[in-house]
């Protein structure tokens, strides 16, 4: 297994999949009542599969971010491999997910159908 260094700016799932940018992750919006989007490893055969989530509230019919986090096994793995720099890389990827990747207009439309 190849382990990348933090200077290369790459996160790695414990399954071995290298994740370079927020667009690499997969997202699934099944927990609509809980207002939660699951963050999945892009490797379809990953044994962890779900590695984090994005929670939001609905205010005046608009989704408002509550929190975006990776689960501890994913965080611990990356910190053990990359050191403290991993935290900055993961935070940047979460920020990009929320700002650039998640289609909030589609989420708003889906949540409007539930009301």
PDB file of N, CA and C in Angstrom:
ATOM      1  N   UNK A   1       0.846  -1.170   0.000  1.00  0.00           N
ATOM      2  CA  UNK A   1       0.000   0.000   0.000  1.00  0.00           C
ATOM      3  C   UNK A   1       0.898   1.241   0.000  1.00  0.00           C
ATOM      4  N   UNK A   2       0.545   2.185  -0.827  1.00  0.00           N
ATOM      5  CA  UNK A   2       1.292   3.431  -0.929  1.00  0.00           C
ATOM      6  C   UNK A   2       0.660   4.452   0.010  1.00  0.00           C
ATOM      7  N   UNK A   3       1.476   5.094   0.819  1.00  0.00           N
ATOM      8  CA  UNK A   3       0.987   6.142   1.711  1.00  0.00           C
ATOM      9  C   UNK A   3       1.571   7.458   1.231  1.00  0.00           C
ATOM     10  N   UNK A   4       0.709   8.444   1.015  1.00  0.00           N
ATOM     11  CA  UNK A   4       1.140   9.748   0.522  1.00  0.00           C
ATOM     12  C   UNK A   4       1.454  10.671   1.678  1.00  0.00           C
ATOM     13  N   UNK A   5       2.287  11.639   1.421  1.00  0.00           N
ATOM     14  CA  UNK A   5       2.630  12.600   2.456  1.00  0.00           C
ATOM     15  C   UNK A   5       1.701  13.794   2.386  1.00  0.00           C
ATOM     16  N   UNK A   6       1.614  14.503   3.489  1.00  0.00           N
ATOM     17  CA  UNK A   6       0.720  15.656   3.581  1.00  0.00           C
ATOM     18  C   UNK A   6       1.058  16.715   2.547  1.00  0.00           C
ATOM     19  N   UNK A   7       2.313  16.822   2.181  1.00  0.00           N
ATOM     20  CA  UNK A   7       2.701  17.849   1.218  1.00  0.00           C
ATOM     21  C   UNK A   7       2.048  17.633  -0.144  1.00  0.00           C
ATOM     22  N   UNK A   8       1.633  16.409  -0.406  1.00  0.00           N
ATOM     23  CA  UNK A   8       0.964  16.112  -1.663  1.00  0.00           C
ATOM     24  C   UNK A   8      -0.515  16.491  -1.612  1.00  0.00           C
ATOM     25  N   UNK A   9      -1.012  16.849  -0.425  1.00  0.00           N
ATOM     26  CA  UNK A   9      -2.384  17.317  -0.291  1.00  0.00           C
ATOM     27  C   UNK A   9      -3.439  16.266  -0.539  1.00  0.00           C
ATOM     28  N   UNK A  10      -3.152  15.026  -0.187  1.00  0.00           N
ATOM     29  CA  UNK A  10      -4.092  13.947  -0.454  1.00  0.00           C
ATOM     30  C   UNK A  10      -4.490  13.234   0.834  1.00  0.00           C
ATOM     31  N   UNK A  11      -5.766  13.000   0.959  1.00  0.00           N
ATOM     32  CA  UNK A  11      -6.304  12.242   2.075  1.00  0.00           C
ATOM     33  C   UNK A  11      -6.429  10.802   1.610  1.00  0.00           C
ATOM     34  N   UNK A  12      -6.352   9.861   2.568  1.00  0.00           N
ATOM     35  CA  UNK A  12      -6.474   8.455   2.201  1.00  0.00           C
ATOM     36  C   UNK A  12      -7.462   7.768   3.127  1.00  0.00           C
ATOM     37  N   UNK A  13      -8.381   7.016   2.557  1.00  0.00           N
ATOM     38  CA  UNK A  13      -9.297   6.207   3.345  1.00  0.00           C
ATOM     39  C   UNK A  13      -8.521   4.984   3.849  1.00  0.00           C
ATOM     40  N   UNK A  14      -8.855   4.447   5.008  1.00  0.00           N
ATOM     41  CA  UNK A  14      -8.179   3.227   5.474  1.00  0.00           C
ATOM     42  C   UNK A  14      -8.269   2.063   4.483  1.00  0.00           C
ATOM     43  N   UNK A  15      -9.234   2.099   3.561  1.00  0.00           N
ATOM     44  CA  UNK A  15      -9.334   1.033   2.549  1.00  0.00           C
ATOM     45  C   UNK A  15      -8.246   1.167   1.485  1.00  0.00           C
ATOM     46  N   UNK A  16      -7.534   2.299   1.483  1.00  0.00           N
ATOM     47  CA  UNK A  16      -6.456   2.513   0.532  1.00  0.00           C
ATOM     48  C   UNK A  16      -6.756   3.533  -0.550  1.00  0.00           C
ATOM     49  N   UNK A  17      -7.995   3.936  -0.700  1.00  0.00           N
ATOM     50  CA  UNK A  17      -8.384   4.896  -1.749  1.00  0.00           C
ATOM     51  C   UNK A  17      -7.840   6.281  -1.428  1.00  0.00           C
ATOM     52  N   UNK A  18      -7.135   6.864  -2.383  1.00  0.00           N
ATOM     53  CA  UNK A  18      -6.622   8.230  -2.259  1.00  0.00           C
ATOM     54  C   UNK A  18      -7.738   9.199  -2.664  1.00  0.00           C
ATOM     55  N   UNK A  19      -7.937  10.241  -1.864  1.00  0.00           N
ATOM     56  CA  UNK A  19      -8.987  11.225  -2.121  1.00  0.00           C
ATOM     57  C   UNK A  19      -8.314  12.591  -2.213  1.00  0.00           C
ATOM     58  N   UNK A  20      -8.245  13.106  -3.420  1.00  0.00           N
ATOM     59  CA  UNK A  20      -7.523  14.346  -3.667  1.00  0.00           C
ATOM     60  C   UNK A  20      -8.350  15.604  -3.450  1.00  0.00           C
ATOM     61  N   UNK A  21      -9.654  15.515  -3.708  1.00  0.00           N
ATOM     62  CA  UNK A  21     -10.480  16.727  -3.626  1.00  0.00           C
ATOM     63  C   UNK A  21     -11.901  16.365  -3.210  1.00  0.00           C
ATOM     64  N   UNK A  22     -12.663  17.371  -2.801  1.00  0.00           N
ATOM     65  CA  UNK A  22     -14.023  17.163  -2.308  1.00  0.00           C
ATOM     66  C   UNK A  22     -14.925  16.499  -3.342  1.00  0.00           C
ATOM     67  N   UNK A  23     -14.686  16.760  -4.598  1.00  0.00           N
ATOM     68  CA  UNK A  23     -15.509  16.191  -5.671  1.00  0.00           C
ATOM     69  C   UNK A  23     -15.338  14.680  -5.800  1.00  0.00           C
ATOM     70  N   UNK A  24     -14.281  14.128  -5.210  1.00  0.00           N
ATOM     71  CA  UNK A  24     -14.027  12.692  -5.301  1.00  0.00           C
ATOM     72  C   UNK A  24     -14.989  11.866  -4.443  1.00  0.00           C
ATOM     73  N   UNK A  25     -15.474  12.440  -3.345  1.00  0.00           N
ATOM     74  CA  UNK A  25     -16.355  11.707  -2.440  1.00  0.00           C
ATOM     75  C   UNK A  25     -17.707  11.444  -3.098  1.00  0.00           C
ATOM     76  N   UNK A  26     -18.425  10.476  -2.559  1.00  0.00           N
ATOM     77  CA  UNK A  26     -19.796  10.218  -2.985  1.00  0.00           C
ATOM     78  C   UNK A  26     -20.708  10.698  -1.864  1.00  0.00           C
ATOM     79  N   UNK A  27     -21.905  11.117  -2.233  1.00  0.00           N
ATOM     80  CA  UNK A  27     -22.864  11.632  -1.261  1.00  0.00           C
ATOM     81  C   UNK A  27     -24.193  10.936  -1.454  1.00  0.00           C
ATOM     82  N   UNK A  28     -24.884  10.705  -0.348  1.00  0.00           N
ATOM     83  CA  UNK A  28     -26.207  10.090  -0.430  1.00  0.00           C
ATOM     84  C   UNK A  28     -27.123  10.806   0.566  1.00  0.00           C
ATOM     85  N   UNK A  29     -28.304  11.140   0.083  1.00  0.00           N
ATOM     86  CA  UNK A  29     -29.260  11.888   0.889  1.00  0.00           C
ATOM     87  C   UNK A  29     -30.481  11.014   1.164  1.00  0.00           C
ATOM     88  N   UNK A  30     -30.313  10.035   2.056  1.00  0.00           N
ATOM     89  CA  UNK A  30     -31.401   9.132   2.411  1.00  0.00           C
ATOM     90  C   UNK A  30     -32.104   9.561   3.694  1.00  0.00           C
ATOM     91  N   UNK A  31     -31.373  10.184   4.578  1.00  0.00           N
ATOM     92  CA  UNK A  31     -31.911  10.545   5.894  1.00  0.00           C
ATOM     93  C   UNK A  31     -32.535  11.935   5.847  1.00  0.00           C
ATOM     94  N   UNK A  32     -33.555  12.068   5.013  1.00  0.00           N
ATOM     95  CA  UNK A  32     -34.174  13.381   4.799  1.00  0.00           C
ATOM     96  C   UNK A  32     -34.839  13.903   6.067  1.00  0.00           C
ATOM     97  N   UNK A  33     -35.517  13.028   6.811  1.00  0.00           N
ATOM     98  CA  UNK A  33     -36.180  13.467   8.034  1.00  0.00           C
ATOM     99  C   UNK A  33     -35.167  13.958   9.065  1.00  0.00           C
ATOM    100  N   UNK A  34     -33.978  13.385   9.032  1.00  0.00           N
ATOM    101  CA  UNK A  34     -32.910  13.784   9.967  1.00  0.00           C
ATOM    102  C   UNK A  34     -32.095  14.959   9.422  1.00  0.00           C
ATOM    103  N   UNK A  35     -32.365  15.326   8.164  1.00  0.00           N
ATOM    104  CA  UNK A  35     -31.634  16.407   7.495  1.00  0.00           C
ATOM    105  C   UNK A  35     -30.122  16.126   7.529  1.00  0.00           C
ATOM    106  N   UNK A  36     -29.786  14.970   6.968  1.00  0.00           N
ATOM    107  CA  UNK A  36     -28.398  14.522   6.999  1.00  0.00           C
ATOM    108  C   UNK A  36     -28.005  13.935   5.645  1.00  0.00           C
ATOM    109  N   UNK A  37     -26.861  14.377   5.146  1.00  0.00           N
ATOM    110  CA  UNK A  37     -26.279  13.866   3.904  1.00  0.00           C
ATOM    111  C   UNK A  37     -25.076  13.022   4.306  1.00  0.00           C
ATOM    112  N   UNK A  38     -25.058  11.769   3.894  1.00  0.00           N
ATOM    113  CA  UNK A  38     -23.930  10.898   4.220  1.00  0.00           C
ATOM    114  C   UNK A  38     -22.785  11.134   3.239  1.00  0.00           C
ATOM    115  N   UNK A  39     -21.574  11.149   3.778  1.00  0.00           N
ATOM    116  CA  UNK A  39     -20.359  11.253   2.962  1.00  0.00           C
ATOM    117  C   UNK A  39     -19.797   9.837   2.852  1.00  0.00           C
ATOM    118  N   UNK A  40     -19.629   9.370   1.616  1.00  0.00           N
ATOM    119  CA  UNK A  40     -19.148   8.014   1.385  1.00  0.00           C
ATOM    120  C   UNK A  40     -17.774   8.016   0.737  1.00  0.00           C
ATOM    121  N   UNK A  41     -17.002   6.989   1.048  1.00  0.00           N
ATOM    122  CA  UNK A  41     -15.726   6.781   0.372  1.00  0.00           C
ATOM    123  C   UNK A  41     -16.024   6.514  -1.106  1.00  0.00           C
ATOM    124  N   UNK A  42     -15.199   7.046  -2.008  1.00  0.00           N
ATOM    125  CA  UNK A  42     -15.430   6.807  -3.436  1.00  0.00           C
ATOM    126  C   UNK A  42     -15.151   5.370  -3.887  1.00  0.00           C
ATOM    127  N   UNK A  43     -14.544   4.578  -3.020  1.00  0.00           N
ATOM    128  CA  UNK A  43     -14.262   3.177  -3.338  1.00  0.00           C
ATOM    129  C   UNK A  43     -15.521   2.354  -3.038  1.00  0.00           C
ATOM    130  N   UNK A  44     -16.151   1.809  -4.062  1.00  0.00           N
ATOM    131  CA  UNK A  44     -17.390   1.054  -3.885  1.00  0.00           C
ATOM    132  C   UNK A  44     -17.220  -0.193  -3.022  1.00  0.00           C
ATOM    133  N   UNK A  45     -15.998  -0.700  -2.893  1.00  0.00           N
ATOM    134  CA  UNK A  45     -15.773  -1.888  -2.064  1.00  0.00           C
ATOM    135  C   UNK A  45     -15.126  -1.549  -0.720  1.00  0.00           C
ATOM    136  N   UNK A  46     -15.204  -0.293  -0.315  1.00  0.00           N
ATOM    137  CA  UNK A  46     -14.647   0.145   0.973  1.00  0.00           C
ATOM    138  C   UNK A  46     -15.374  -0.532   2.124  1.00  0.00           C
ATOM    139  N   UNK A  47     -14.621  -1.006   3.099  1.00  0.00           N
ATOM    140  CA  UNK A  47     -15.248  -1.661   4.244  1.00  0.00           C
ATOM    141  C   UNK A  47     -15.824  -0.653   5.238  1.00  0.00           C
ATOM    142  N   UNK A  48     -15.368   0.595   5.220  1.00  0.00           N
ATOM    143  CA  UNK A  48     -15.972   1.625   6.060  1.00  0.00           C
ATOM    144  C   UNK A  48     -17.222   2.192   5.399  1.00  0.00           C
ATOM    145  N   UNK A  49     -17.146   2.426   4.123  1.00  0.00           N
ATOM    146  CA  UNK A  49     -18.173   3.007   3.256  1.00  0.00           C
ATOM    147  C   UNK A  49     -18.584   4.412   3.689  1.00  0.00           C
ATOM    148  N   UNK A  50     -19.321   4.551   4.787  1.00  0.00           N
ATOM    149  CA  UNK A  50     -19.741   5.870   5.246  1.00  0.00           C
ATOM    150  C   UNK A  50     -18.644   6.438   6.145  1.00  0.00           C
ATOM    151  N   UNK A  51     -18.101   7.591   5.738  1.00  0.00           N
ATOM    152  CA  UNK A  51     -16.965   8.146   6.487  1.00  0.00           C
ATOM    153  C   UNK A  51     -17.253   9.503   7.114  1.00  0.00           C
ATOM    154  N   UNK A  52     -18.483   9.983   6.966  1.00  0.00           N
ATOM    155  CA  UNK A  52     -18.840  11.258   7.576  1.00  0.00           C
ATOM    156  C   UNK A  52     -20.244  11.670   7.201  1.00  0.00           C
ATOM    157  N   UNK A  53     -20.615  12.893   7.601  1.00  0.00           N
ATOM    158  CA  UNK A  53     -21.952  13.386   7.291  1.00  0.00           C
ATOM    159  C   UNK A  53     -21.976  14.912   7.285  1.00  0.00           C
ATOM    160  N   UNK A  54     -23.019  15.429   6.647  1.00  0.00           N
ATOM    161  CA  UNK A  54     -23.298  16.867   6.634  1.00  0.00           C
ATOM    162  C   UNK A  54     -24.713  17.018   7.171  1.00  0.00           C
ATOM    163  N   UNK A  55     -24.865  17.752   8.265  1.00  0.00           N
ATOM    164  CA  UNK A  55     -26.186  18.004   8.859  1.00  0.00           C
ATOM    165  C   UNK A  55     -26.586  19.441   8.574  1.00  0.00           C
ATOM    166  N   UNK A  56     -27.887  19.631   8.383  1.00  0.00           N
ATOM    167  CA  UNK A  56     -28.393  20.971   8.142  1.00  0.00           C
ATOM    168  C   UNK A  56     -29.777  21.115   8.751  1.00  0.00           C
ATOM    169  N   UNK A  57     -30.199  22.333   8.943  1.00  0.00           N
ATOM    170  CA  UNK A  57     -31.559  22.661   9.383  1.00  0.00           C
ATOM    171  C   UNK A  57     -32.254  23.373   8.245  1.00  0.00           C
ATOM    172  N   UNK A  58     -33.563  23.408   8.305  1.00  0.00           N
ATOM    173  CA  UNK A  58     -34.355  24.169   7.337  1.00  0.00           C
ATOM    174  C   UNK A  58     -34.895  25.409   8.043  1.00  0.00           C
ATOM    175  N   UNK A  59     -34.561  26.571   7.530  1.00  0.00           N
ATOM    176  CA  UNK A  59     -35.034  27.836   8.080  1.00  0.00           C
ATOM    177  C   UNK A  59     -35.694  28.610   6.946  1.00  0.00           C
ATOM    178  N   UNK A  60     -36.976  28.881   7.107  1.00  0.00           N
ATOM    179  CA  UNK A  60     -37.745  29.579   6.076  1.00  0.00           C
ATOM    180  C   UNK A  60     -37.633  28.885   4.716  1.00  0.00           C
ATOM    181  N   UNK A  61     -37.634  27.558   4.750  1.00  0.00           N
ATOM    182  CA  UNK A  61     -37.587  26.783   3.513  1.00  0.00           C
ATOM    183  C   UNK A  61     -36.217  26.673   2.869  1.00  0.00           C
ATOM    184  N   UNK A  62     -35.182  27.180   3.543  1.00  0.00           N
ATOM    185  CA  UNK A  62     -33.815  27.145   3.008  1.00  0.00           C
ATOM    186  C   UNK A  62     -32.934  26.272   3.905  1.00  0.00           C
ATOM    187  N   UNK A  63     -32.072  25.451   3.299  1.00  0.00           N
ATOM    188  CA  UNK A  63     -31.148  24.646   4.107  1.00  0.00           C
ATOM    189  C   UNK A  63     -30.021  25.514   4.683  1.00  0.00           C
ATOM    190  N   UNK A  64     -29.793  25.344   5.985  1.00  0.00           N
ATOM    191  CA  UNK A  64     -28.735  26.069   6.683  1.00  0.00           C
ATOM    192  C   UNK A  64     -27.803  25.026   7.305  1.00  0.00           C
ATOM    193  N   UNK A  65     -26.521  25.098   6.975  1.00  0.00           N
ATOM    194  CA  UNK A  65     -25.537  24.136   7.483  1.00  0.00           C
ATOM    195  C   UNK A  65     -25.493  24.152   9.002  1.00  0.00           C
ATOM    196  N   UNK A  66     -25.510  22.950   9.568  1.00  0.00           N
ATOM    197  CA  UNK A  66     -25.386  22.787  11.004  1.00  0.00           C
ATOM    198  C   UNK A  66     -23.974  22.288  11.346  1.00  0.00           C
ATOM    199  N   UNK A  67     -23.549  21.218  10.671  1.00  0.00           N
ATOM    200  CA  UNK A  67     -22.194  20.699  10.852  1.00  0.00           C
ATOM    201  C   UNK A  67     -21.827  19.749   9.725  1.00  0.00           C
ATOM    202  N   UNK A  68     -20.546  19.646   9.479  1.00  0.00           N
ATOM    203  CA  UNK A  68     -19.997  18.696   8.514  1.00  0.00           C
ATOM    204  C   UNK A  68     -18.789  18.056   9.185  1.00  0.00           C
ATOM    205  N   UNK A  69     -18.804  16.735   9.304  1.00  0.00           N
ATOM    206  CA  UNK A  69     -17.731  16.041  10.015  1.00  0.00           C
ATOM    207  C   UNK A  69     -17.385  14.719   9.343  1.00  0.00           C
ATOM    208  N   UNK A  70     -16.148  14.316   9.556  1.00  0.00           N
ATOM    209  CA  UNK A  70     -15.716  12.965   9.214  1.00  0.00           C
ATOM    210  C   UNK A  70     -15.760  12.150  10.501  1.00  0.00           C
ATOM    211  N   UNK A  71     -16.034  10.858  10.374  1.00  0.00           N
ATOM    212  CA  UNK A  71     -16.072   9.981  11.544  1.00  0.00           C
ATOM    213  C   UNK A  71     -14.655   9.723  12.075  1.00  0.00           C
ATOM    214  N   UNK A  72     -14.544   9.447  13.394  1.00  0.00           N
ATOM    215  CA  UNK A  72     -13.228   9.251  14.027  1.00  0.00           C
ATOM    216  C   UNK A  72     -12.297   8.243  13.355  1.00  0.00           C
ATOM    217  N   UNK A  73     -12.760   7.063  12.872  1.00  0.00           N
ATOM    218  CA  UNK A  73     -11.790   6.148  12.247  1.00  0.00           C
ATOM    219  C   UNK A  73     -11.090   6.764  11.023  1.00  0.00           C
ATOM    220  N   UNK A  74     -11.831   7.534  10.244  1.00  0.00           N
ATOM    221  CA  UNK A  74     -11.275   8.184   9.057  1.00  0.00           C
ATOM    222  C   UNK A  74     -10.278   9.274   9.475  1.00  0.00           C
ATOM    223  N   UNK A  75     -10.645  10.053  10.476  1.00  0.00           N
ATOM    224  CA  UNK A  75      -9.770  11.130  10.966  1.00  0.00           C
ATOM    225  C   UNK A  75      -8.504  10.546  11.587  1.00  0.00           C
ATOM    226  N   UNK A  76      -8.675   9.565  12.448  1.00  0.00           N
ATOM    227  CA  UNK A  76      -7.529   8.955  13.134  1.00  0.00           C
ATOM    228  C   UNK A  76      -6.543   8.354  12.137  1.00  0.00           C
ATOM    229  N   UNK A  77      -7.070   7.662  11.139  1.00  0.00           N
ATOM    230  CA  UNK A  77      -6.216   7.066  10.115  1.00  0.00           C
ATOM    231  C   UNK A  77      -5.369   8.133   9.427  1.00  0.00           C
ATOM    232  N   UNK A  78      -5.995   9.208   9.004  1.00  0.00           N
ATOM    233  CA  UNK A  78      -5.281  10.249   8.275  1.00  0.00           C
ATOM    234  C   UNK A  78      -4.282  10.993   9.148  1.00  0.00           C
ATOM    235  N   UNK A  79      -4.636  11.256  10.376  1.00  0.00           N
ATOM    236  CA  UNK A  79      -3.694  11.930  11.282  1.00  0.00           C
ATOM    237  C   UNK A  79      -2.503  11.020  11.554  1.00  0.00           C
ATOM    238  N   UNK A  80      -2.740   9.708  11.692  1.00  0.00           N
ATOM    239  CA  UNK A  80      -1.622   8.783  11.933  1.00  0.00           C
ATOM    240  C   UNK A  80      -0.710   8.675  10.717  1.00  0.00           C
ATOM    241  N   UNK A  81      -1.266   8.864   9.518  1.00  0.00           N
ATOM    242  CA  UNK A  81      -0.470   8.761   8.295  1.00  0.00           C
ATOM    243  C   UNK A  81       0.202  10.077   7.907  1.00  0.00           C
ATOM    244  N   UNK A  82      -0.519  11.189   8.084  1.00  0.00           N
ATOM    245  CA  UNK A  82      -0.049  12.481   7.583  1.00  0.00           C
ATOM    246  C   UNK A  82       0.387  13.454   8.669  1.00  0.00           C
ATOM    247  N   UNK A  83       0.048  13.160   9.906  1.00  0.00           N
ATOM    248  CA  UNK A  83       0.363  14.085  10.987  1.00  0.00           C
ATOM    249  C   UNK A  83      -0.695  15.175  11.095  1.00  0.00           C
ATOM    250  N   UNK A  84      -0.395  16.222  11.852  1.00  0.00           N
ATOM    251  CA  UNK A  84      -1.368  17.281  12.116  1.00  0.00           C
ATOM    252  C   UNK A  84      -1.877  17.994  10.856  1.00  0.00           C
ATOM    253  N   UNK A  85      -1.115  17.974   9.796  1.00  0.00           N
ATOM    254  CA  UNK A  85      -1.522  18.629   8.553  1.00  0.00           C
ATOM    255  C   UNK A  85      -2.800  18.003   8.003  1.00  0.00           C
ATOM    256  N   UNK A  86      -3.048  16.751   8.344  1.00  0.00           N
ATOM    257  CA  UNK A  86      -4.247  16.054   7.863  1.00  0.00           C
ATOM    258  C   UNK A  86      -5.512  16.790   8.278  1.00  0.00           C
ATOM    259  N   UNK A  87      -5.513  17.363   9.466  1.00  0.00           N
ATOM    260  CA  UNK A  87      -6.702  18.078   9.945  1.00  0.00           C
ATOM    261  C   UNK A  87      -7.028  19.250   9.023  1.00  0.00           C
ATOM    262  N   UNK A  88      -6.010  20.000   8.622  1.00  0.00           N
ATOM    263  CA  UNK A  88      -6.229  21.133   7.709  1.00  0.00           C
ATOM    264  C   UNK A  88      -6.750  20.659   6.353  1.00  0.00           C
ATOM    265  N   UNK A  89      -6.188  19.552   5.860  1.00  0.00           N
ATOM    266  CA  UNK A  89      -6.635  19.009   4.571  1.00  0.00           C
ATOM    267  C   UNK A  89      -8.090  18.543   4.639  1.00  0.00           C
ATOM    268  N   UNK A  90      -8.442  17.859   5.722  1.00  0.00           N
ATOM    269  CA  UNK A  90      -9.811  17.364   5.859  1.00  0.00           C
ATOM    270  C   UNK A  90     -10.798  18.517   6.041  1.00  0.00           C
ATOM    271  N   UNK A  91     -10.423  19.526   6.810  1.00  0.00           N
ATOM    272  CA  UNK A  91     -11.291  20.696   6.982  1.00  0.00           C
ATOM    273  C   UNK A  91     -11.510  21.402   5.643  1.00  0.00           C
ATOM    274  N   UNK A  92     -10.460  21.523   4.855  1.00  0.00           N
ATOM    275  CA  UNK A  92     -10.586  22.170   3.543  1.00  0.00           C
ATOM    276  C   UNK A  92     -11.511  21.363   2.638  1.00  0.00           C
ATOM    277  N   UNK A  93     -11.404  20.034   2.678  1.00  0.00           N
ATOM    278  CA  UNK A  93     -12.284  19.213   1.854  1.00  0.00           C
ATOM    279  C   UNK A  93     -13.734  19.322   2.314  1.00  0.00           C
ATOM    280  N   UNK A  94     -13.967  19.344   3.620  1.00  0.00           N
ATOM    281  CA  UNK A  94     -15.331  19.513   4.126  1.00  0.00           C
ATOM    282  C   UNK A  94     -15.899  20.870   3.706  1.00  0.00           C
ATOM    283  N   UNK A  95     -15.089  21.896   3.806  1.00  0.00           N
ATOM    284  CA  UNK A  95     -15.511  23.244   3.405  1.00  0.00           C
ATOM    285  C   UNK A  95     -15.882  23.255   1.916  1.00  0.00           C
ATOM    286  N   UNK A  96     -15.057  22.628   1.086  1.00  0.00           N
ATOM    287  CA  UNK A  96     -15.340  22.562  -0.349  1.00  0.00           C
ATOM    288  C   UNK A  96     -16.606  21.757  -0.642  1.00  0.00           C
ATOM    289  N   UNK A  97     -16.828  20.682   0.118  1.00  0.00           N
ATOM    290  CA  UNK A  97     -18.050  19.898  -0.067  1.00  0.00           C
ATOM    291  C   UNK A  97     -19.273  20.783   0.133  1.00  0.00           C
ATOM    292  N   UNK A  98     -19.259  21.514   1.235  1.00  0.00           N
ATOM    293  CA  UNK A  98     -20.408  22.337   1.611  1.00  0.00           C
ATOM    294  C   UNK A  98     -20.595  23.512   0.649  1.00  0.00           C
ATOM    295  N   UNK A  99     -19.502  24.123   0.224  1.00  0.00           N
ATOM    296  CA  UNK A  99     -19.599  25.320  -0.616  1.00  0.00           C
ATOM    297  C   UNK A  99     -19.682  25.032  -2.110  1.00  0.00           C
ATOM    298  N   UNK A 100     -19.037  23.962  -2.575  1.00  0.00           N
ATOM    299  CA  UNK A 100     -18.919  23.747  -4.012  1.00  0.00           C
ATOM    300  C   UNK A 100     -19.597  22.487  -4.545  1.00  0.00           C
ATOM    301  N   UNK A 101     -19.693  21.450  -3.728  1.00  0.00           N
ATOM    302  CA  UNK A 101     -20.119  20.155  -4.251  1.00  0.00           C
ATOM    303  C   UNK A 101     -21.599  19.863  -4.003  1.00  0.00           C
ATOM    304  N   UNK A 102     -22.058  20.051  -2.779  1.00  0.00           N
ATOM    305  CA  UNK A 102     -23.453  19.744  -2.457  1.00  0.00           C
ATOM    306  C   UNK A 102     -24.371  20.702  -3.219  1.00  0.00           C
ATOM    307  N   UNK A 103     -25.366  20.146  -3.876  1.00  0.00           N
ATOM    308  CA  UNK A 103     -26.337  20.935  -4.630  1.00  0.00           C
ATOM    309  C   UNK A 103     -27.458  21.359  -3.675  1.00  0.00           C
ATOM    310  N   UNK A 104     -27.269  22.502  -3.026  1.00  0.00           N
ATOM    311  CA  UNK A 104     -28.216  22.968  -2.016  1.00  0.00           C
ATOM    312  C   UNK A 104     -29.580  23.301  -2.617  1.00  0.00           C
ATOM    313  N   UNK A 105     -29.630  23.706  -3.860  1.00  0.00           N
ATOM    314  CA  UNK A 105     -30.923  23.998  -4.509  1.00  0.00           C
ATOM    315  C   UNK A 105     -31.730  22.708  -4.661  1.00  0.00           C
ATOM    316  N   UNK A 106     -31.058  21.615  -4.994  1.00  0.00           N
ATOM    317  CA  UNK A 106     -31.734  20.321  -5.101  1.00  0.00           C
ATOM    318  C   UNK A 106     -32.187  19.843  -3.722  1.00  0.00           C
ATOM    319  N   UNK A 107     -31.363  20.046  -2.718  1.00  0.00           N
ATOM    320  CA  UNK A 107     -31.727  19.681  -1.351  1.00  0.00           C
ATOM    321  C   UNK A 107     -32.967  20.471  -0.931  1.00  0.00           C
ATOM    322  N   UNK A 108     -32.955  21.764  -1.219  1.00  0.00           N
ATOM    323  CA  UNK A 108     -34.099  22.620  -0.896  1.00  0.00           C
ATOM    324  C   UNK A 108     -35.378  22.126  -1.586  1.00  0.00           C
ATOM    325  N   UNK A 109     -35.267  21.743  -2.839  1.00  0.00           N
ATOM    326  CA  UNK A 109     -36.419  21.235  -3.588  1.00  0.00           C
ATOM    327  C   UNK A 109     -36.901  19.904  -2.991  1.00  0.00           C
ATOM    328  N   UNK A 110     -35.974  19.004  -2.662  1.00  0.00           N
ATOM    329  CA  UNK A 110     -36.340  17.718  -2.079  1.00  0.00           C
ATOM    330  C   UNK A 110     -37.016  17.904  -0.725  1.00  0.00           C
ATOM    331  N   UNK A 111     -36.508  18.825   0.071  1.00  0.00           N
ATOM    332  CA  UNK A 111     -37.091  19.067   1.387  1.00  0.00           C
ATOM    333  C   UNK A 111     -38.456  19.739   1.254  1.00  0.00           C
ATOM    334  N   UNK A 112     -38.640  20.553   0.236  1.00  0.00           N
ATOM    335  CA  UNK A 112     -39.941  21.195  -0.021  1.00  0.00           C
ATOM    336  C   UNK A 112     -41.017  20.174  -0.342  1.00  0.00           C
ATOM    337  N   UNK A 113     -40.625  19.078  -0.976  1.00  0.00           N
ATOM    338  CA  UNK A 113     -41.572  18.021  -1.318  1.00  0.00           C
ATOM    339  C   UNK A 113     -42.055  17.271  -0.074  1.00  0.00           C
ATOM    340  N   UNK A 114     -41.226  17.275   0.979  1.00  0.00           N
ATOM    341  CA  UNK A 114     -41.600  16.586   2.213  1.00  0.00           C
ATOM    342  C   UNK A 114     -42.599  17.375   3.039  1.00  0.00           C
ATOM    343  N   UNK A 115     -42.589  18.697   2.869  1.00  0.00           N
ATOM    344  CA  UNK A 115     -43.444  19.565   3.699  1.00  0.00           C
ATOM    345  C   UNK A 115     -44.912  19.445   3.356  1.00  0.00           C
TER     346      UNK A 115
END
